[in-house]
N, C-alpha and C. Protein backbone atom coordinates (compact mmCIF):
# COMPACT_ATOMS: atom_id res chain seq x y z
N UNK A 1 1.14 -1.09 -0.20
CA UNK A 1 0.07 -0.22 -0.25
C UNK A 1 0.76 1.59 -0.10
N UNK A 2 0.88 2.08 -0.92
CA UNK A 2 1.75 3.45 -1.09
C UNK A 2 0.38 4.39 -1.06
N UNK A 3 1.09 5.74 -0.24
CA UNK A 3 0.51 6.78 -0.37
C UNK A 3 0.37 7.17 -1.48
N UNK A 4 -1.01 7.93 -1.85
CA UNK A 4 -1.29 9.06 -3.03
C UNK A 4 -1.17 10.08 -2.73
N UNK A 5 -1.22 10.78 -3.85
CA UNK A 5 -1.71 12.42 -3.87
C UNK A 5 -2.89 12.99 -3.43
N UNK A 6 -3.00 13.65 -2.15
CA UNK A 6 -4.40 14.27 -2.00
C UNK A 6 -5.10 14.67 -3.09
N UNK A 7 -6.42 14.48 -2.59
CA UNK A 7 -7.42 15.42 -3.70
C UNK A 7 -8.45 15.99 -2.70
N UNK A 8 -8.98 17.14 -3.13
CA UNK A 8 -10.00 18.02 -2.43
C UNK A 8 -11.12 16.93 -2.21
N UNK A 9 -11.35 16.09 -2.45
CA UNK A 9 -12.63 15.23 -2.18
C UNK A 9 -11.85 14.52 -1.37
N UNK A 10 -10.86 14.25 -0.90
CA UNK A 10 -10.39 13.94 0.73
C UNK A 10 -10.62 14.60 1.91
N UNK A 11 -11.11 16.06 1.83
CA UNK A 11 -10.72 16.75 2.91
C UNK A 11 -11.81 16.12 3.84
N UNK A 12 -12.83 15.80 3.89
CA UNK A 12 -13.92 15.35 4.71
C UNK A 12 -13.31 14.15 5.62
N UNK A 13 -12.89 13.07 4.94
CA UNK A 13 -12.51 12.11 5.77
C UNK A 13 -11.39 12.40 6.45
N UNK A 14 -10.36 13.30 5.85
CA UNK A 14 -9.27 13.76 6.69
C UNK A 14 -9.42 14.71 7.88
N UNK A 15 -10.20 15.30 7.57
CA UNK A 15 -11.20 16.59 8.94
C UNK A 15 -11.45 15.26 9.87
N UNK A 16 -12.21 14.30 9.50
CA UNK A 16 -13.12 13.29 10.36
C UNK A 16 -11.61 12.83 11.83
N UNK A 17 -10.53 12.76 10.73
CA UNK A 17 -9.24 12.06 11.68
C UNK A 17 -8.68 13.40 12.34
N UNK A 18 -8.57 14.22 11.89
CA UNK A 18 -7.74 15.49 12.25
C UNK A 18 -8.83 16.80 12.07
N UNK A 19 -9.50 17.54 13.30
CA UNK A 19 -10.09 18.52 12.72
C UNK A 19 -9.74 19.80 12.53
N UNK A 20 -8.94 20.00 12.84
CA UNK A 20 -7.73 21.42 12.65
C UNK A 20 -7.05 21.28 11.56
N UNK A 21 -7.24 20.19 10.83
CA UNK A 21 -6.44 20.18 9.60
C UNK A 21 -6.28 21.17 8.72
N UNK A 22 -5.31 21.74 8.25
CA UNK A 22 -4.69 22.60 7.28
C UNK A 22 -4.10 22.15 6.16
N UNK A 23 -4.40 21.51 5.12
CA UNK A 23 -3.55 20.90 4.17
C UNK A 23 -2.40 21.63 3.22
N UNK A 24 -1.05 20.96 4.19
CA UNK A 24 0.04 21.73 3.64
C UNK A 24 0.20 20.99 1.85
N UNK A 25 1.46 21.91 1.47
CA UNK A 25 1.61 22.10 -0.15
C UNK A 25 1.71 20.59 -0.67
N UNK A 26 2.31 19.86 0.05
CA UNK A 26 2.68 18.45 -0.46
C UNK A 26 1.75 17.72 0.62
N UNK A 27 0.93 16.97 -0.03
CA UNK A 27 -0.18 16.13 1.10
C UNK A 27 -0.20 14.92 0.61
N UNK A 28 -0.33 13.92 1.39
CA UNK A 28 -0.38 12.27 0.67
C UNK A 28 -1.47 11.36 1.76
N UNK A 29 -1.95 10.40 0.99
CA UNK A 29 -3.21 9.95 1.80
C UNK A 29 -2.89 8.06 1.58
N UNK A 30 -2.84 7.62 2.37
CA UNK A 30 -3.16 6.32 2.56
C UNK A 30 -4.41 5.85 2.39
N UNK A 31 -4.96 5.21 1.33
CA UNK A 31 -6.19 4.54 1.53
C UNK A 31 -6.13 2.68 1.63
N UNK A 32 -7.47 2.44 2.24
CA UNK A 32 -7.39 1.05 2.42
C UNK A 32 -9.16 0.78 2.09
N UNK A 33 -9.29 -0.11 1.46
CA UNK A 33 -10.51 -0.19 0.57
C UNK A 33 -11.62 0.78 0.48
N UNK A 34 -10.79 1.68 -0.18
CA UNK A 34 -11.89 3.20 -0.15
C UNK A 34 -11.76 4.25 0.87
N UNK A 35 -11.27 3.49 1.84
CA UNK A 35 -11.04 4.48 3.44
C UNK A 35 -9.68 5.15 3.43
N UNK A 36 -9.89 6.25 3.76
CA UNK A 36 -8.68 7.12 4.32
C UNK A 36 -8.26 6.51 5.60
N UNK A 37 -7.08 5.73 5.58
CA UNK A 37 -6.60 5.06 7.07
C UNK A 37 -4.90 6.23 7.62
N UNK A 38 -4.76 7.21 6.87
CA UNK A 38 -3.44 7.62 7.39
C UNK A 38 -3.41 8.95 6.13
N UNK A 39 -2.71 10.21 7.07
CA UNK A 39 -1.95 11.13 5.91
C UNK A 39 -1.44 12.00 5.96
N UNK A 40 -0.52 12.59 5.60
CA UNK A 40 0.61 13.34 6.36
C UNK A 40 1.34 14.04 5.11
N UNK A 41 1.89 15.39 5.09
CA UNK A 41 2.49 16.07 4.37
C UNK A 41 3.61 17.02 4.83
N UNK A 42 4.14 18.02 4.14
CA UNK A 42 4.75 18.99 4.46
C UNK A 42 4.92 20.24 3.34
N UNK A 43 5.46 21.39 4.11
CA UNK A 43 5.96 22.21 3.50
C UNK A 43 7.29 22.53 3.29
N UNK A 44 7.46 23.46 2.13
CA UNK A 44 8.85 23.88 1.97
C UNK A 44 8.84 24.68 3.03
N UNK A 45 9.70 25.16 4.16
CA UNK A 45 9.98 26.14 5.02
C UNK A 45 11.20 27.02 4.48
N UNK A 46 12.27 26.67 4.24
CA UNK A 46 13.30 27.38 3.82
C UNK A 46 14.04 26.83 2.45
N UNK A 47 14.72 27.49 1.85
CA UNK A 47 15.87 26.73 0.67
C UNK A 47 16.35 25.57 1.35
N UNK A 48 16.56 25.62 2.35
CA UNK A 48 16.96 23.91 3.03
C UNK A 48 16.40 23.07 3.81
N UNK A 49 15.13 23.46 4.27
CA UNK A 49 14.59 22.64 5.16
C UNK A 49 12.81 22.77 4.78
N UNK A 50 12.20 21.85 5.35
CA UNK A 50 10.83 21.36 5.10
C UNK A 50 10.36 21.16 6.45
N UNK A 51 8.93 21.28 6.38
CA UNK A 51 8.19 21.08 7.77
C UNK A 51 7.02 19.85 7.77
N UNK A 52 7.40 18.66 8.04
CA UNK A 52 6.31 17.77 8.22
C UNK A 52 5.21 18.38 8.93
N UNK A 53 3.91 18.07 8.40
CA UNK A 53 2.59 18.57 9.35
C UNK A 53 1.77 17.32 9.23
N UNK A 54 0.91 17.34 10.21
CA UNK A 54 -0.09 16.39 10.07
C UNK A 54 -0.39 15.16 9.24
N UNK A 55 0.93 14.59 9.98
CA UNK A 55 1.31 12.93 10.15
C UNK A 55 0.02 12.34 11.08
N UNK A 56 -0.86 11.69 10.55
CA UNK A 56 -1.67 10.99 10.99
C UNK A 56 -2.28 9.73 10.38
N UNK A 57 -2.68 8.60 11.59
CA UNK A 57 -3.17 7.51 11.55
C UNK A 57 -4.00 7.26 11.80
N UNK A 58 -5.55 6.62 11.28
CA UNK A 58 -6.58 6.30 12.41
C UNK A 58 -6.06 5.14 13.29
N UNK A 59 -6.80 5.98 14.36
CA UNK A 59 -6.65 4.74 15.80
C UNK A 59 -7.01 3.18 15.55
N UNK A 60 -7.53 2.57 14.47
CA UNK A 60 -7.80 1.51 14.17
C UNK A 60 -6.36 0.63 13.56
N UNK A 61 -5.50 1.71 13.00
CA UNK A 61 -4.62 1.22 11.98
C UNK A 61 -3.19 1.43 12.76
N UNK A 62 -2.86 2.08 13.60
CA UNK A 62 -2.06 2.47 14.37
C UNK A 62 -1.22 1.27 14.68
N UNK A 63 0.37 1.41 15.48
CA UNK A 63 1.09 0.21 15.80
C UNK A 63 1.09 -0.81 14.66
N UNK A 64 1.18 -0.23 13.47
CA UNK A 64 1.08 -1.37 12.18
C UNK A 64 2.13 -0.98 11.32
N UNK A 65 2.98 0.13 11.83
CA UNK A 65 4.08 0.31 10.80
C UNK A 65 3.51 1.53 10.14
N UNK A 66 2.31 1.70 9.77
CA UNK A 66 2.25 2.66 8.89
C UNK A 66 2.52 4.03 8.89
N UNK A 67 2.56 4.48 10.24
CA UNK A 67 2.85 5.80 10.49
C UNK A 67 4.41 6.08 10.17
N UNK A 68 5.42 4.90 10.65
CA UNK A 68 6.67 4.78 9.90
C UNK A 68 6.98 5.07 8.86
N UNK A 69 6.09 4.27 7.92
CA UNK A 69 6.11 3.91 6.20
C UNK A 69 5.76 5.68 5.66
N UNK A 70 4.87 6.14 6.22
CA UNK A 70 4.52 7.64 6.19
C UNK A 70 5.80 8.74 6.13
N UNK A 71 6.22 8.44 7.29
CA UNK A 71 7.43 9.20 7.42
C UNK A 71 8.47 8.91 6.38
N UNK A 72 9.17 8.03 6.30
CA UNK A 72 9.79 7.67 5.34
C UNK A 72 9.70 8.30 4.19
N UNK A 73 8.33 7.98 3.71
CA UNK A 73 7.89 8.34 2.17
C UNK A 73 8.16 9.68 2.19
N UNK A 74 7.56 10.65 3.20
CA UNK A 74 7.59 12.20 3.02
C UNK A 74 9.18 12.38 3.35
N UNK A 75 10.10 11.80 3.95
CA UNK A 75 11.79 12.15 3.75
C UNK A 75 11.93 11.97 2.44
N UNK A 76 12.02 10.77 1.93
CA UNK A 76 12.15 10.64 0.79
C UNK A 76 11.80 11.66 -0.44
N UNK A 77 10.30 12.02 0.08
CA UNK A 77 9.94 13.03 -1.22
C UNK A 77 10.68 14.28 -0.81
N UNK A 78 10.57 14.50 0.45
CA UNK A 78 11.38 16.25 0.51
C UNK A 78 12.68 16.04 0.15
N UNK A 79 13.61 14.81 0.51
CA UNK A 79 14.71 14.86 -0.16
C UNK A 79 15.33 15.11 -1.82
N UNK A 80 14.04 15.42 -2.32
CA UNK A 80 14.07 15.14 -3.95
C UNK A 80 14.18 16.51 -4.39
N UNK A 81 13.89 17.57 -3.41
CA UNK A 81 13.92 19.00 -3.82
C UNK A 81 15.28 19.34 -3.54
N UNK A 82 15.68 19.75 -4.51
CA UNK A 82 16.96 20.78 -4.10
C UNK A 82 17.51 21.29 -3.06
N UNK A 83 18.76 20.90 -2.56
CA UNK A 83 19.34 21.37 -1.55
C UNK A 83 18.97 21.09 -0.12
N UNK A 84 17.76 20.44 -0.30
CA UNK A 84 17.06 19.93 1.22
C UNK A 84 18.10 19.27 2.08
N UNK A 85 18.34 19.98 3.50
CA UNK A 85 19.18 19.65 4.38
C UNK A 85 18.53 18.89 5.68
N UNK A 86 17.42 19.40 5.79
CA UNK A 86 16.83 19.05 6.71
C UNK A 86 15.28 19.08 6.61
N UNK A 87 14.65 18.33 7.99
CA UNK A 87 13.22 18.16 8.18
C UNK A 87 13.05 18.53 9.67
N UNK A 88 11.53 19.18 9.59
CA UNK A 88 11.06 19.48 11.12
C UNK A 88 9.78 18.73 10.97
N UNK A 89 9.47 18.51 12.53
CA UNK A 89 7.89 18.11 12.60
C UNK A 89 8.03 18.52 13.76
N UNK A 90 6.60 18.81 14.02
CA UNK A 90 6.14 19.11 15.34
C UNK A 90 5.26 18.02 16.14
N UNK A 91 5.68 17.85 17.57
CA UNK A 91 4.95 16.63 17.68
C UNK A 91 4.37 17.00 19.32
N UNK A 92 3.17 16.36 19.75
CA UNK A 92 2.46 16.54 20.82
C UNK A 92 3.39 15.33 21.64
N UNK A 93 2.63 15.72 22.91
CA UNK A 93 3.82 14.85 23.94
C UNK A 93 3.23 13.29 23.75
N UNK A 94 2.21 12.93 23.35
CA UNK A 94 1.84 11.43 23.37
C UNK A 94 2.63 10.59 22.19
N UNK A 95 3.35 11.27 21.41
CA UNK A 95 3.93 11.04 20.23
C UNK A 95 5.64 10.96 19.88
N UNK A 96 6.18 11.83 21.32
CA UNK A 96 7.62 12.33 21.53
C UNK A 96 8.33 10.61 21.22
N UNK A 97 8.30 9.88 21.61
CA UNK A 97 8.90 8.91 21.06
C UNK A 97 8.56 8.25 19.72
N UNK A 98 7.65 8.81 18.84
CA UNK A 98 7.74 8.20 17.56
C UNK A 98 9.14 8.69 16.86
N UNK A 99 8.90 10.14 16.93
CA UNK A 99 9.68 10.90 15.97
C UNK A 99 11.49 10.47 16.75
N UNK A 100 11.82 10.10 17.46
CA UNK A 100 12.87 9.96 18.10
C UNK A 100 12.96 8.15 17.43
N UNK A 101 12.21 7.53 17.20
CA UNK A 101 12.76 6.13 16.72
C UNK A 101 13.00 6.37 15.00
N UNK A 102 12.44 7.49 14.63
CA UNK A 102 12.77 7.72 13.33
C UNK A 102 13.66 8.63 12.77
N UNK A 103 14.62 8.71 14.02
CA UNK A 103 15.92 9.43 13.46
C UNK A 103 15.63 10.78 13.70
N UNK A 104 14.95 11.67 14.22
CA UNK A 104 15.23 12.81 14.69
C UNK A 104 15.35 13.26 16.32
N UNK A 105 15.81 14.24 16.33
CA UNK A 105 16.19 14.91 17.73
C UNK A 105 15.61 16.17 17.68
N UNK A 106 15.20 15.90 19.39
CA UNK A 106 14.25 16.84 19.78
C UNK A 106 14.92 18.18 19.77
N UNK A 107 14.58 19.03 19.41
CA UNK A 107 15.36 20.80 19.05
C UNK A 107 14.92 21.59 19.97
N UNK A 108 13.61 21.84 20.01
CA UNK A 108 12.57 22.47 20.99
C UNK A 108 11.74 22.15 21.79
N UNK A 109 11.61 22.46 22.77
CA UNK A 109 10.10 21.97 23.88
C UNK A 109 9.67 23.20 24.03
N UNK A 110 8.32 22.90 24.07
CA UNK A 110 7.37 24.16 24.28
C UNK A 110 6.58 23.67 25.86
N UNK A 111 6.34 24.80 26.45
CA UNK A 111 5.63 24.56 27.69
C UNK A 111 4.24 23.68 27.48
N UNK A 112 3.67 24.17 26.04
CA UNK A 112 2.16 23.88 25.96
C UNK A 112 2.30 22.27 25.65
N UNK A 113 3.32 21.26 25.94
CA UNK A 113 3.58 19.84 25.60
C UNK A 113 3.50 19.71 24.30
N UNK A 114 4.15 20.40 23.53
CA UNK A 114 4.77 20.46 21.68
C UNK A 114 6.27 20.31 22.04
N UNK A 115 6.73 19.76 21.02
CA UNK A 115 8.32 19.79 21.14
C UNK A 115 8.34 19.67 19.32
N UNK A 116 9.66 20.33 18.91
CA UNK A 116 9.81 20.34 17.15
C UNK A 116 11.34 19.52 17.29
N UNK A 117 10.75 18.74 16.11
CA UNK A 117 11.99 17.92 16.34
C UNK A 117 12.72 17.95 14.70
N UNK A 118 13.88 17.33 14.37
CA UNK A 118 14.58 17.70 13.60
C UNK A 118 15.58 16.52 13.07
N UNK A 119 15.42 16.33 11.52
CA UNK A 119 16.27 15.58 10.96
C UNK A 119 17.26 15.78 9.88
N UNK A 120 18.26 15.53 9.89
CA UNK A 120 19.33 15.98 8.90
C UNK A 120 18.93 14.79 7.94
N UNK A 121 18.97 15.66 6.32
CA UNK A 121 18.49 14.48 5.19
C UNK A 121 19.83 13.89 4.62
N UNK A 122 19.74 12.87 3.61
CA UNK A 122 20.66 12.24 3.20
C UNK A 122 20.00 12.53 1.74
N UNK A 123 20.76 12.49 0.80
CA UNK A 123 20.40 12.48 -0.98
C UNK A 123 19.41 11.26 -1.15
N UNK A 124 18.56 10.97 -1.27
CA UNK A 124 17.56 9.91 -2.07
C UNK A 124 17.71 9.91 -3.37
N UNK A 125 17.80 9.00 -4.25
CA UNK A 125 17.74 8.79 -5.70
C UNK A 125 16.88 7.82 -6.19
């Protein structure tokens, strides 16, 4: 199962999983039997970095490797942009360990239970 590009008709299903969703420029969804089970995307933040946003997996599909696969997919997509050196991701407290397992390191902590994680990129071709 591979992600596919987001389409505007996906918005209601995506918002059912994340009501505060603001669709990033580069956005992808995972489908299973016509149901969106995960999504995530990124925006280019600077000429050398991207910001991963809204990586979400449906509760019934968590802990099956979909989130990890989605992050790896997004990192590969980001690294295809010229001069990309790093990716950043915001995480709420319940997901802190997830990003560390994917090779990110915590760079900023917020008193509102959010952290920013950063990962240096390698070139993927």
